[in-house]
C-alpha atoms as a PDB file:
ATOM      1  CA  MET A   1       1.089  22.742   7.695  1.00  0.00           C
ATOM      2  CA  ARG A   2      -2.200  21.976   6.101  1.00  0.00           C
ATOM      3  CA  ILE A   3      -2.166  19.778   3.195  1.00  0.00           C
ATOM      4  CA  ALA A   4      -5.152  19.598   0.883  1.00  0.00           C
ATOM      5  CA  VAL A   5      -5.157  16.274  -0.856  1.00  0.00           C
ATOM      6  CA  ASP A   6      -7.261  15.817  -4.121  1.00  0.00           C
ATOM      7  CA  ALA A   7      -9.155  12.585  -2.962  1.00  0.00           C
ATOM      8  CA  MET A   8     -10.808  12.236  -6.336  1.00  0.00           C
ATOM      9  CA  GLY A   9      -7.751  12.158  -8.314  1.00  0.00           C
ATOM     10  CA  GLY A  10      -5.725   9.252  -9.560  1.00  0.00           C
ATOM     11  CA  ASP A  11      -6.624   5.850 -10.819  1.00  0.00           C
ATOM     12  CA  SER A  12      -7.902   4.794  -7.200  1.00  0.00           C
ATOM     13  CA  PRO A  13      -9.391   7.219  -4.600  1.00  0.00           C
ATOM     14  CA  ALA A  14      -8.918   4.354  -2.160  1.00  0.00           C
ATOM     15  CA  MET A  15      -5.021   4.560  -2.600  1.00  0.00           C
ATOM     16  CA  VAL A  16      -5.109   8.344  -2.277  1.00  0.00           C
ATOM     17  CA  VAL A  17      -7.309   8.417   0.789  1.00  0.00           C
ATOM     18  CA  GLN A  18      -5.301   5.618   2.406  1.00  0.00           C
ATOM     19  CA  GLY A  19      -1.887   7.253   1.824  1.00  0.00           C
ATOM     20  CA  ALA A  20      -3.221  10.654   3.145  1.00  0.00           C
ATOM     21  CA  LEU A  21      -4.568   8.868   6.359  1.00  0.00           C
ATOM     22  CA  GLN A  22      -1.215   7.207   6.712  1.00  0.00           C
ATOM     23  CA  ALA A  23       0.601  10.563   6.513  1.00  0.00           C
ATOM     24  CA  ALA A  24      -1.699  11.878   9.241  1.00  0.00           C
ATOM     25  CA  LEU A  25      -1.488   8.900  11.543  1.00  0.00           C
ATOM     26  CA  GLU A  26       2.469   8.404  11.161  1.00  0.00           C
ATOM     27  CA  TRP A  27       3.639  11.848  10.992  1.00  0.00           C
ATOM     28  CA  GLY A  28       0.661  13.864  12.537  1.00  0.00           C
ATOM     29  CA  MET A  29       0.039  15.757   9.064  1.00  0.00           C
ATOM     30  CA  ASP A  30      -3.027  18.088   9.179  1.00  0.00           C
ATOM     31  CA  ILE A  31      -4.984  16.767   6.354  1.00  0.00           C
ATOM     32  CA  THR A  32      -7.942  18.097   4.291  1.00  0.00           C
ATOM     33  CA  LEU A  33      -9.358  15.575   1.857  1.00  0.00           C
ATOM     34  CA  VAL A  34     -11.015  17.135  -1.047  1.00  0.00           C
ATOM     35  CA  GLY A  35     -13.777  15.450  -3.073  1.00  0.00           C
ATOM     36  CA  GLN A  36     -17.204  13.795  -2.890  1.00  0.00           C
ATOM     37  CA  ARG A  37     -18.092  13.296   0.835  1.00  0.00           C
ATOM     38  CA  GLN A  38     -19.777  10.136   0.498  1.00  0.00           C
ATOM     39  CA  VAL A  39     -17.065   8.452  -1.271  1.00  0.00           C
ATOM     40  CA  ILE A  40     -14.469   9.653   1.107  1.00  0.00           C
ATOM     41  CA  ASP A  41     -16.528   8.803   4.166  1.00  0.00           C
ATOM     42  CA  ALA A  42     -16.815   5.053   2.975  1.00  0.00           C
ATOM     43  CA  LEU A  43     -12.959   5.078   2.314  1.00  0.00           C
ATOM     44  CA  ILE A  44     -12.251   6.345   5.737  1.00  0.00           C
ATOM     45  CA  GLU A  45     -14.663   3.626   7.392  1.00  0.00           C
ATOM     46  CA  GLU A  46     -12.588   1.042   5.465  1.00  0.00           C
ATOM     47  CA  TYR A  47      -9.431   2.285   7.162  1.00  0.00           C
ATOM     48  CA  HIS A  48      -8.885   0.509  10.570  1.00  0.00           C
ATOM     49  CA  GLU A  49      -6.883   2.955  12.463  1.00  0.00           C
ATOM     50  CA  PRO A  50      -8.900   6.040  14.114  1.00  0.00           C
ATOM     51  CA  VAL A  51      -7.583   9.233  12.172  1.00  0.00           C
ATOM     52  CA  VAL A  52      -8.810  12.741  12.377  1.00  0.00           C
ATOM     53  CA  CYS A  53      -8.894  14.772   9.147  1.00  0.00           C
ATOM     54  CA  ARG A  54     -11.178  17.186   7.576  1.00  0.00           C
ATOM     55  CA  ILE A  55     -13.377  16.842   4.464  1.00  0.00           C
ATOM     56  CA  GLU A  56     -14.049  19.492   1.914  1.00  0.00           C
ATOM     57  CA  HIS A  57     -16.995  18.318  -0.086  1.00  0.00           C
ATOM     58  CA  CYS A  58     -17.146  19.181  -3.767  1.00  0.00           C
ATOM     59  CA  PRO A  59     -19.405  17.207  -6.351  1.00  0.00           C
ATOM     60  CA  GLU A  60     -17.269  17.427  -9.444  1.00  0.00           C
ATOM     61  CA  MET A  61     -13.993  15.796 -10.447  1.00  0.00           C
ATOM     62  CA  ILE A  62     -11.770  15.895 -13.688  1.00  0.00           C
ATOM     63  CA  ALA A  63     -11.087  12.556 -15.533  1.00  0.00           C
ATOM     64  CA  MET A  64      -7.547  11.868 -16.866  1.00  0.00           C
ATOM     65  CA  ASN A  65      -8.765  12.012 -20.431  1.00  0.00           C
ATOM     66  CA  GLU A  66     -10.473  15.406 -20.074  1.00  0.00           C
ATOM     67  CA  PRO A  67      -8.885  18.693 -21.837  1.00  0.00           C
ATOM     68  CA  PRO A  68      -7.132  20.117 -18.639  1.00  0.00           C
ATOM     69  CA  VAL A  69      -7.677  23.928 -19.235  1.00  0.00           C
ATOM     70  CA  LYS A  70     -11.255  23.709 -20.625  1.00  0.00           C
ATOM     71  CA  ALA A  71     -12.156  21.218 -17.782  1.00  0.00           C
ATOM     72  CA  ILE A  72     -10.771  23.550 -14.997  1.00  0.00           C
ATOM     73  CA  ARG A  73     -12.670  26.490 -16.425  1.00  0.00           C
ATOM     74  CA  LYS A  74     -15.972  24.774 -16.692  1.00  0.00           C
ATOM     75  CA  LYS A  75     -15.934  22.549 -13.610  1.00  0.00           C
ATOM     76  CA  LYS A  76     -15.635  25.315 -10.817  1.00  0.00           C
ATOM     77  CA  ARG A  77     -16.227  22.788  -8.141  1.00  0.00           C
ATOM     78  CA  ALA A  78     -13.742  20.328  -9.285  1.00  0.00           C
ATOM     79  CA  SER A  79     -11.821  18.606  -6.430  1.00  0.00           C
ATOM     80  CA  ILE A  80      -8.473  19.922  -7.683  1.00  0.00           C
ATOM     81  CA  ARG A  81      -9.713  23.406  -8.369  1.00  0.00           C
ATOM     82  CA  VAL A  82     -11.114  23.567  -4.806  1.00  0.00           C
ATOM     83  CA  ALA A  83      -7.970  22.192  -3.277  1.00  0.00           C
ATOM     84  CA  PHE A  84      -6.072  25.103  -4.568  1.00  0.00           C
ATOM     85  CA  GLU A  85      -8.704  27.648  -3.661  1.00  0.00           C
ATOM     86  CA  LEU A  86      -8.175  26.274  -0.197  1.00  0.00           C
ATOM     87  CA  VAL A  87      -4.701  27.382  -0.361  1.00  0.00           C
ATOM     88  CA  LYS A  88      -5.586  30.814  -1.820  1.00  0.00           C
ATOM     89  CA  ARG A  89      -8.108  31.411   1.122  1.00  0.00           C
ATOM     90  CA  GLY A  90      -5.368  30.447   3.650  1.00  0.00           C
ATOM     91  CA  GLU A  91      -7.214  27.293   4.791  1.00  0.00           C
ATOM     92  CA  ALA A  92      -4.509  24.975   3.374  1.00  0.00           C
ATOM     93  CA  ASP A  93      -0.718  25.379   2.719  1.00  0.00           C
ATOM     94  CA  ALA A  94      -0.205  23.008  -0.048  1.00  0.00           C
ATOM     95  CA  VAL A  95      -1.891  20.768  -2.516  1.00  0.00           C
ATOM     96  CA  VAL A  96      -1.192  17.091  -3.394  1.00  0.00           C
ATOM     97  CA  SER A  97      -2.995  15.340  -6.615  1.00  0.00           C
ATOM     98  CA  ALA A  98      -2.669  12.005  -8.271  1.00  0.00           C
ATOM     99  CA  GLY A  99      -5.155  13.199 -10.825  1.00  0.00           C
ATOM    100  CA  ASN A 100      -4.871  14.742 -14.323  1.00  0.00           C
ATOM    101  CA  SER A 101      -1.482  16.474 -14.225  1.00  0.00           C
ATOM    102  CA  GLY A 102      -2.468  18.891 -16.826  1.00  0.00           C
ATOM    103  CA  ALA A 103      -5.567  19.873 -14.810  1.00  0.00           C
ATOM    104  CA  THR A 104      -3.451  20.276 -11.733  1.00  0.00           C
ATOM    105  CA  LEU A 105      -1.032  22.544 -13.517  1.00  0.00           C
ATOM    106  CA  ALA A 106      -3.923  24.643 -14.978  1.00  0.00           C
ATOM    107  CA  ALA A 107      -5.685  24.794 -11.622  1.00  0.00           C
ATOM    108  CA  GLY A 108      -2.625  25.926  -9.920  1.00  0.00           C
ATOM    109  CA  VAL A 109      -2.032  28.672 -12.479  1.00  0.00           C
ATOM    110  CA  LEU A 110      -5.603  29.826 -12.666  1.00  0.00           C
ATOM    111  CA  VAL A 111      -6.237  30.006  -8.853  1.00  0.00           C
ATOM    112  CA  LEU A 112      -2.826  30.918  -7.310  1.00  0.00           C
ATOM    113  CA  GLY A 113      -1.243  32.694 -10.389  1.00  0.00           C
ATOM    114  CA  LYS A 114       2.392  32.227 -11.564  1.00  0.00           C
ATOM    115  CA  LEU A 115       5.368  33.847  -9.592  1.00  0.00           C
ATOM    116  CA  LYS A 116       6.575  37.106 -11.009  1.00  0.00           C
ATOM    117  CA  ALA A 117       8.700  36.634 -13.959  1.00  0.00           C
ATOM    118  CA  ILE A 118       7.833  32.953 -14.547  1.00  0.00           C
ATOM    119  CA  GLU A 119       6.322  32.244 -17.948  1.00  0.00           C
ATOM    120  CA  ARG A 120       5.906  28.478 -17.803  1.00  0.00           C
ATOM    121  CA  PRO A 121       5.682  26.487 -14.662  1.00  0.00           C
ATOM    122  CA  ALA A 122       7.317  23.053 -14.872  1.00  0.00           C
ATOM    123  CA  PHE A 123       7.231  19.776 -12.987  1.00  0.00           C
ATOM    124  CA  ALA A 124      10.584  18.850 -11.200  1.00  0.00           C
ATOM    125  CA  GLY A 125      11.467  15.324 -10.984  1.00  0.00           C
ATOM    126  CA  ILE A 126      13.821  14.109  -8.262  1.00  0.00           C
ATOM    127  CA  PHE A 127      15.882  11.011  -9.311  1.00  0.00           C
ATOM    128  CA  PRO A 128      18.415   9.081  -7.182  1.00  0.00           C
ATOM    129  CA  GLY A 129      22.003   9.360  -8.229  1.00  0.00           C
ATOM    130  CA  GLU A 130      25.121   7.417  -7.517  1.00  0.00           C
ATOM    131  CA  LYS A 131      26.653  10.583  -6.048  1.00  0.00           C
ATOM    132  CA  GLY A 132      23.502  12.426  -4.842  1.00  0.00           C
ATOM    133  CA  ASP A 133      19.854  13.337  -5.954  1.00  0.00           C
ATOM    134  CA  VAL A 134      19.435  14.628  -9.502  1.00  0.00           C
ATOM    135  CA  LEU A 135      16.774  17.142 -10.458  1.00  0.00           C
ATOM    136  CA  ILE A 136      15.218  16.849 -13.976  1.00  0.00           C
ATOM    137  CA  ILE A 137      13.048  19.687 -15.264  1.00  0.00           C
ATOM    138  CA  ASP A 138      10.597  19.348 -17.112  1.00  0.00           C
ATOM    139  CA  VAL A 139       9.028  15.896 -16.592  1.00  0.00           C
ATOM    140  CA  GLY A 140       5.674  16.541 -18.104  1.00  0.00           C
ATOM    141  CA  ALA A 141       4.240  19.883 -17.854  1.00  0.00           C
ATOM    142  CA  ASN A 142       5.371  21.303 -21.217  1.00  0.00           C
ATOM    143  CA  VAL A 143       5.760  18.919 -24.194  1.00  0.00           C
ATOM    144  CA  ASP A 144       6.460  21.669 -26.671  1.00  0.00           C
ATOM    145  CA  CYS A 145       9.027  24.218 -25.803  1.00  0.00           C
ATOM    146  CA  ARG A 146      11.160  26.843 -27.247  1.00  0.00           C
ATOM    147  CA  ALA A 147      14.861  27.277 -26.319  1.00  0.00           C
ATOM    148  CA  GLU A 148      14.246  30.259 -23.883  1.00  0.00           C
ATOM    149  CA  HIS A 149      11.723  28.077 -22.069  1.00  0.00           C
ATOM    150  CA  LEU A 150      14.424  25.378 -21.493  1.00  0.00           C
ATOM    151  CA  PHE A 151      16.817  28.004 -20.207  1.00  0.00           C
ATOM    152  CA  HIS A 152      14.030  29.392 -17.878  1.00  0.00           C
ATOM    153  CA  PHE A 153      13.550  25.837 -16.690  1.00  0.00           C
ATOM    154  CA  GLY A 154      17.120  25.561 -15.917  1.00  0.00           C
ATOM    155  CA  LEU A 155      17.028  28.933 -13.856  1.00  0.00           C
ATOM    156  CA  MET A 156      14.049  27.752 -12.034  1.00  0.00           C
ATOM    157  CA  ALA A 157      15.630  24.529 -11.108  1.00  0.00           C
ATOM    158  CA  GLU A 158      18.674  26.190  -9.851  1.00  0.00           C
ATOM    159  CA  ALA A 159      16.650  28.422  -7.685  1.00  0.00           C
ATOM    160  CA  PHE A 160      14.887  25.372  -6.204  1.00  0.00           C
ATOM    161  CA  ALA A 161      18.007  23.358  -5.764  1.00  0.00           C
ATOM    162  CA  THR A 162      20.094  25.982  -4.000  1.00  0.00           C
ATOM    163  CA  THR A 163      17.131  27.389  -1.863  1.00  0.00           C
ATOM    164  CA  CYS A 164      15.142  24.052  -0.937  1.00  0.00           C
ATOM    165  CA  LEU A 165      17.634  21.110  -1.527  1.00  0.00           C
ATOM    166  CA  ASN A 166      20.773  22.779  -0.094  1.00  0.00           C
ATOM    167  CA  MET A 167      22.704  22.078  -3.392  1.00  0.00           C
ATOM    168  CA  MET A 168      25.746  24.472  -3.597  1.00  0.00           C
ATOM    169  CA  GLN A 169      26.500  25.731  -7.059  1.00  0.00           C
ATOM    170  CA  PRO A 170      24.701  22.689  -8.697  1.00  0.00           C
ATOM    171  CA  LYS A 171      26.093  21.740 -12.124  1.00  0.00           C
ATOM    172  CA  VAL A 172      23.546  22.287 -14.974  1.00  0.00           C
ATOM    173  CA  GLY A 173      23.371  19.936 -17.963  1.00  0.00           C
ATOM    174  CA  LEU A 174      21.257  19.997 -21.053  1.00  0.00           C
ATOM    175  CA  LEU A 175      19.882  16.590 -22.034  1.00  0.00           C
ATOM    176  CA  ASN A 176      20.905  15.586 -25.537  1.00  0.00           C
ATOM    177  CA  ILE A 177      21.837  12.841 -28.048  1.00  0.00           C
ATOM    178  CA  GLY A 178      25.358  13.640 -27.673  1.00  0.00           C
ATOM    179  CA  GLN A 179      27.811  15.815 -25.521  1.00  0.00           C
ATOM    180  CA  GLU A 180      29.139  18.010 -28.550  1.00  0.00           C
ATOM    181  CA  GLY A 181      27.574  21.470 -28.606  1.00  0.00           C
ATOM    182  CA  GLY A 182      26.400  21.213 -32.154  1.00  0.00           C
ATOM    183  CA  LYS A 183      24.201  18.033 -31.521  1.00  0.00           C
ATOM    184  CA  GLY A 184      20.417  18.155 -31.268  1.00  0.00           C
ATOM    185  CA  ASN A 185      17.643  19.831 -32.930  1.00  0.00           C
ATOM    186  CA  GLU A 186      17.576  23.473 -33.429  1.00  0.00           C
ATOM    187  CA  GLN A 187      15.696  24.338 -30.112  1.00  0.00           C
ATOM    188  CA  VAL A 188      18.199  22.393 -28.092  1.00  0.00           C
ATOM    189  CA  LYS A 189      21.316  23.949 -30.020  1.00  0.00           C
ATOM    190  CA  LEU A 190      20.007  27.312 -29.197  1.00  0.00           C
ATOM    191  CA  ALA A 191      19.263  26.605 -25.546  1.00  0.00           C
ATOM    192  CA  HIS A 192      22.794  25.486 -25.384  1.00  0.00           C
ATOM    193  CA  ASP A 193      23.825  28.946 -26.281  1.00  0.00           C
ATOM    194  CA  PHE A 194      21.721  30.614 -23.927  1.00  0.00           C
ATOM    195  CA  PHE A 195      23.178  28.373 -20.947  1.00  0.00           C
ATOM    196  CA  LYS A 196      26.673  28.732 -22.058  1.00  0.00           C
ATOM    197  CA  SER A 197      26.312  32.663 -22.135  1.00  0.00           C
ATOM    198  CA  SER A 198      24.621  32.583 -18.612  1.00  0.00           C
ATOM    199  CA  ALA A 199      26.207  32.696 -14.997  1.00  0.00           C
ATOM    200  CA  LEU A 200      24.619  29.218 -14.346  1.00  0.00           C
ATOM    201  CA  ASN A 201      27.247  26.539 -13.518  1.00  0.00           C
ATOM    202  CA  PHE A 202      26.565  24.914 -17.050  1.00  0.00           C
ATOM    203  CA  ILE A 203      28.703  21.905 -17.994  1.00  0.00           C
ATOM    204  CA  GLY A 204      27.348  21.380 -21.387  1.00  0.00           C
ATOM    205  CA  ASN A 205      25.253  18.654 -22.997  1.00  0.00           C
ATOM    206  CA  VAL A 206      24.616  15.480 -21.218  1.00  0.00           C
ATOM    207  CA  GLU A 207      23.313  12.069 -22.279  1.00  0.00           C
ATOM    208  CA  GLY A 208      20.760   9.673 -20.752  1.00  0.00           C
ATOM    209  CA  ARG A 209      23.495   7.536 -19.453  1.00  0.00           C
ATOM    210  CA  ASP A 210      24.487  10.440 -17.308  1.00  0.00           C
ATOM    211  CA  ILE A 211      21.054  10.947 -15.452  1.00  0.00           C
ATOM    212  CA  PHE A 212      22.030   8.286 -12.550  1.00  0.00           C
ATOM    213  CA  SER A 213      25.571   9.119 -12.017  1.00  0.00           C
ATOM    214  CA  GLY A 214      24.640  12.083  -9.827  1.00  0.00           C
ATOM    215  CA  GLU A 215      27.807  13.944 -11.440  1.00  0.00           C
ATOM    216  CA  ILE A 216      25.253  16.554 -12.707  1.00  0.00           C
ATOM    217  CA  GLN A 217      22.693  17.846 -10.119  1.00  0.00           C
ATOM    218  CA  ILE A 218      20.290  19.475 -12.670  1.00  0.00           C
ATOM    219  CA  ILE A 219      19.261  18.091 -16.055  1.00  0.00           C
ATOM    220  CA  VAL A 220      17.128  20.249 -18.449  1.00  0.00           C
ATOM    221  CA  CYS A 221      14.777  18.899 -21.059  1.00  0.00           C
ATOM    222  CA  ASP A 222      11.382  19.460 -22.489  1.00  0.00           C
ATOM    223  CA  GLY A 223       8.417  17.842 -20.769  1.00  0.00           C
ATOM    224  CA  PHE A 224       7.939  15.195 -23.489  1.00  0.00           C
ATOM    225  CA  VAL A 225      11.654  13.880 -23.179  1.00  0.00           C
ATOM    226  CA  GLY A 226      11.686  14.252 -19.495  1.00  0.00           C
ATOM    227  CA  ASN A 227       8.341  12.322 -18.807  1.00  0.00           C
ATOM    228  CA  VAL A 228       9.733   9.414 -21.190  1.00  0.00           C
ATOM    229  CA  ALA A 229      12.966   9.402 -19.069  1.00  0.00           C
ATOM    230  CA  LEU A 230      10.975   9.289 -15.866  1.00  0.00           C
ATOM    231  CA  LYS A 231       8.730   6.527 -17.008  1.00  0.00           C
ATOM    232  CA  LEU A 232      11.615   4.577 -18.314  1.00  0.00           C
ATOM    233  CA  SER A 233      13.404   4.633 -15.029  1.00  0.00           C
ATOM    234  CA  GLU A 234      10.269   3.502 -13.086  1.00  0.00           C
ATOM    235  CA  GLY A 235       9.691   0.808 -15.647  1.00  0.00           C
ATOM    236  CA  LEU A 236      13.352  -0.560 -15.243  1.00  0.00           C
ATOM    237  CA  THR A 237      13.088  -0.498 -11.449  1.00  0.00           C
ATOM    238  CA  GLU A 238      10.105  -2.630 -11.525  1.00  0.00           C
ATOM    239  CA  SER A 239      11.466  -4.914 -13.962  1.00  0.00           C
ATOM    240  CA  LEU A 240      14.653  -5.434 -11.963  1.00  0.00           C
ATOM    241  CA  VAL A 241      12.579  -6.311  -8.791  1.00  0.00           C
ATOM    242  CA  GLY A 242      10.503  -8.708 -10.954  1.00  0.00           C
ATOM    243  CA  ILE A 243      13.533 -10.515 -12.255  1.00  0.00           C
ATOM    244  CA  ILE A 244      15.506 -10.537  -8.755  1.00  0.00           C
ATOM    245  CA  LYS A 245      12.270 -12.111  -7.150  1.00  0.00           C
ATOM    246  CA  HIS A 246      11.987 -14.597  -9.897  1.00  0.00           C
ATOM    247  CA  ALA A 247      15.709 -15.480  -9.613  1.00  0.00           C
ATOM    248  CA  MET A 248      15.361 -15.841  -5.827  1.00  0.00           C
ATOM    249  CA  ALA A 249      12.334 -17.924  -5.717  1.00  0.00           C
ATOM    250  CA  GLY A 250      14.184 -21.309  -5.581  1.00  0.00           C
ATOM    251  CA  LEU A 251      16.554 -20.169  -2.907  1.00  0.00           C
ATOM    252  CA  THR A 252      16.522 -21.829   0.532  1.00  0.00           C
ATOM    253  CA  GLU A 253      15.899 -20.027   3.692  1.00  0.00           C
ATOM    254  CA  GLU A 254      19.459 -19.939   4.500  1.00  0.00           C
ATOM    255  CA  GLN A 255      20.208 -18.425   1.180  1.00  0.00           C
ATOM    256  CA  MET A 256      17.469 -15.888   1.494  1.00  0.00           C
ATOM    257  CA  ALA A 257      18.982 -14.753   4.967  1.00  0.00           C
ATOM    258  CA  ILE A 258      22.404 -14.071   3.291  1.00  0.00           C
ATOM    259  CA  HIS A 259      20.701 -11.951   0.702  1.00  0.00           C
ATOM    260  CA  LYS A 260      18.976  -9.996   3.426  1.00  0.00           C
ATOM    261  CA  ARG A 261      22.182  -9.418   5.565  1.00  0.00           C
ATOM    262  CA  THR A 262      23.794  -7.988   2.227  1.00  0.00           C
ATOM    263  CA  GLY A 263      21.030  -5.580   1.466  1.00  0.00           C
ATOM    264  CA  GLY A 264      22.990  -2.838  -0.323  1.00  0.00           C
ATOM    265  CA  PHE A 265      21.448  -3.825  -3.620  1.00  0.00           C
ATOM    266  CA  TRP A 266      17.859  -3.733  -2.069  1.00  0.00           C
ATOM    267  CA  GLU A 267      18.585  -0.332  -0.568  1.00  0.00           C
ATOM    268  CA  MET A 268      19.496   0.942  -4.106  1.00  0.00           C
ATOM    269  CA  ILE A 269      16.331  -0.580  -5.538  1.00  0.00           C
ATOM    270  CA  ARG A 270      14.202   1.170  -2.689  1.00  0.00           C
ATOM    271  CA  LYS A 271      15.819   4.502  -3.479  1.00  0.00           C
ATOM    272  CA  MET A 272      14.977   4.162  -7.134  1.00  0.00           C
ATOM    273  CA  ASP A 273      11.286   3.423  -6.457  1.00  0.00           C
ATOM    274  CA  TYR A 274       9.287   6.348  -7.220  1.00  0.00           C
ATOM    275  CA  ALA A 275       7.227   5.937  -4.342  1.00  0.00           C
ATOM    276  CA  GLU A 276      10.051   6.889  -2.177  1.00  0.00           C
ATOM    277  CA  TYR A 277       9.871  10.416  -3.316  1.00  0.00           C
ATOM    278  CA  GLY A 278       5.908  10.380  -3.970  1.00  0.00           C
ATOM    279  CA  GLY A 279       5.615  13.163  -6.530  1.00  0.00           C
ATOM    280  CA  ALA A 280       7.180  16.006  -8.522  1.00  0.00           C
ATOM    281  CA  PRO A 281       6.804  19.647  -7.241  1.00  0.00           C
ATOM    282  CA  VAL A 282       5.322  22.157  -9.439  1.00  0.00           C
ATOM    283  CA  LEU A 283       7.654  25.077  -9.872  1.00  0.00           C
ATOM    284  CA  GLY A 284       6.645  28.514 -10.847  1.00  0.00           C
ATOM    285  CA  ILE A 285       3.325  28.804  -9.433  1.00  0.00           C
ATOM    286  CA  ASN A 286       2.462  31.073  -6.337  1.00  0.00           C
ATOM    287  CA  GLY A 287       2.089  28.120  -3.980  1.00  0.00           C
ATOM    288  CA  VAL A 288       3.150  24.509  -3.143  1.00  0.00           C
ATOM    289  CA  GLY A 289       1.659  21.733  -5.446  1.00  0.00           C
ATOM    290  CA  ILE A 290       2.867  18.237  -5.730  1.00  0.00           C
ATOM    291  CA  VAL A 291       1.852  15.961  -8.808  1.00  0.00           C
ATOM    292  CA  CYS A 292       1.792  12.231  -8.404  1.00  0.00           C
ATOM    293  CA  HIS A 293       1.266   9.381 -10.628  1.00  0.00           C
ATOM    294  CA  GLY A 294      -2.335   8.440 -11.525  1.00  0.00           C
ATOM    295  CA  SER A 295      -1.421   4.779 -10.374  1.00  0.00           C
ATOM    296  CA  SER A 296       0.385   5.936  -7.175  1.00  0.00           C
ATOM    297  CA  SER A 297       0.277   3.572  -4.309  1.00  0.00           C
ATOM    298  CA  ALA A 298      -0.707   4.592  -0.809  1.00  0.00           C
ATOM    299  CA  ARG A 299       2.949   4.800   0.238  1.00  0.00           C
ATOM    300  CA  ALA A 300       3.595   7.125  -2.790  1.00  0.00           C
ATOM    301  CA  VAL A 301       0.804   9.505  -1.887  1.00  0.00           C
ATOM    302  CA  LYS A 302       1.883   9.409   1.872  1.00  0.00           C
ATOM    303  CA  ASN A 303       5.531  10.346   0.798  1.00  0.00           C
ATOM    304  CA  ALA A 304       3.988  13.222  -1.531  1.00  0.00           C
ATOM    305  CA  VAL A 305       2.238  14.544   1.370  1.00  0.00           C
ATOM    306  CA  LYS A 306       5.262  14.508   3.261  1.00  0.00           C
ATOM    307  CA  MET A 307       6.899  16.309   0.439  1.00  0.00           C
ATOM    308  CA  ALA A 308       4.327  18.994   0.264  1.00  0.00           C
ATOM    309  CA  ASN A 309       4.527  19.536   3.915  1.00  0.00           C
ATOM    310  CA  HIS A 310       8.292  19.949   3.778  1.00  0.00           C
ATOM    311  CA  TYR A 311       8.167  22.556   1.076  1.00  0.00           C
ATOM    312  CA  ALA A 312       5.349  24.495   2.639  1.00  0.00           C
ATOM    313  CA  GLU A 313       7.520  24.686   5.802  1.00  0.00           C
ATOM    314  CA  GLN A 314      10.282  25.887   3.641  1.00  0.00           C
ATOM    315  CA  HIS A 315       8.175  28.706   2.190  1.00  0.00           C
ATOM    316  CA  MET A 316       9.208  27.621  -1.300  1.00  0.00           C
ATOM    317  CA  PRO A 317       7.475  30.152  -3.489  1.00  0.00           C
ATOM    318  CA  GLU A 318       8.841  32.971  -1.456  1.00  0.00           C
ATOM    319  CA  ARG A 319      12.398  31.489  -1.591  1.00  0.00           C
ATOM    320  CA  LEU A 320      12.156  31.015  -5.302  1.00  0.00           C
ATOM    321  CA  THR A 321      10.809  34.863  -5.738  1.00  0.00           C
ATOM    322  CA  GLN A 322      13.831  36.063  -3.575  1.00  0.00           C
ATOM    323  CA  TYR A 323      16.171  34.072  -5.624  1.00  0.00           C
ATOM    324  CA  PHE A 324      14.989  35.573  -9.060  1.00  0.00           C
ATOM    325  CA  GLU A 325      15.394  39.154  -7.642  1.00  0.00           C
ATOM    326  CA  THR A 326      18.903  38.577  -6.996  1.00  0.00           C
ATOM    327  CA  ILE A 327      20.408  36.534 -10.013  1.00  0.00           C
ATOM    328  CA  GLN A 328      22.402  38.180 -12.772  1.00  0.00           C
ATOM    329  CA  ASN A 329      19.927  36.656 -15.359  1.00  0.00           C
ATOM    330  CA  PRO A 330      16.576  37.317 -14.264  1.00  0.00           C
ATOM    331  CA  LEU A 331      13.696  35.470 -15.961  1.00  0.00           C
ATOM    332  CA  SER A 332      12.085  37.615 -18.624  1.00  0.00           C
ATOM    333  CA  LYS A 333       8.549  37.377 -20.072  1.00  0.00           C
ATOM    334  CA  SER A 334       8.475  36.219 -23.615  1.00  0.00           C
ATOM    335  CA  GLU A 335       5.559  35.521 -25.660  1.00  0.00           C
ATOM    336  CA  ASN A 336       4.303  31.996 -25.983  1.00  0.00           C
END
């Protein structure tokens, strides 16, 4: 698989390039770095290991604070748009970007188009749960949603979970402020009715405390709520690591060795680290795209490349399309 990496996206092109090169070196990934050649060449020179990768030069980039749709239409040679164009031309199989997430979504839709019957693509975040991974959708693509959009997200998530994550009859929950069906705003209450009358394995409303239990495999919410949940979990993990390191600062070498031998807690912390997953797949576009944090470390980018390669090998868009053709409640177009 050939992975196009938006080298100009994110807070640090150095981290993006380093992570992409690590993926190429450690796993033999076929990488194309997309962006300003002089910047990429300089960053490759700083990398001490010899790595072979291609460079697709483009002079423009989209900043984090630019309006996504307007920027994508105006900057036809922006790195994220060119990356998706490589996929469209068959010169790449997936895209990874730590840049403007709205621009990444807009570029994917504009260049590759949406899958048949998909109205609003969404970002699917994968969270570690006590009893297995949890898929939360949406984690940032759509901050304003109607009830039917939430229902569509649930269908997309089930399609992804069953065809790409090997989840059998995943339980679906609607994130809310209480478990009772009458809780929440009008949008969530109406969405609850949609889910309840569907063929999905819907278990009802779930609360924030249920996310990490792993009892529910798919949790549906709008992009505003989902992004808050995502950032909260990441911040909690970082704070826990800091608190633990501070508490262990006065330990002797013997005490430190004991803690290392009983590393179950540290394994849990590792699993909760967003860098372990790398990014969130964009569900609903006619291709594979992975969105990363703007502040992603090299390790996060490396794992995002691995994720992109995996979903490209699985032919994710084709699998989702096949699923939608067979389900009893097909996605239907509705006006925005």
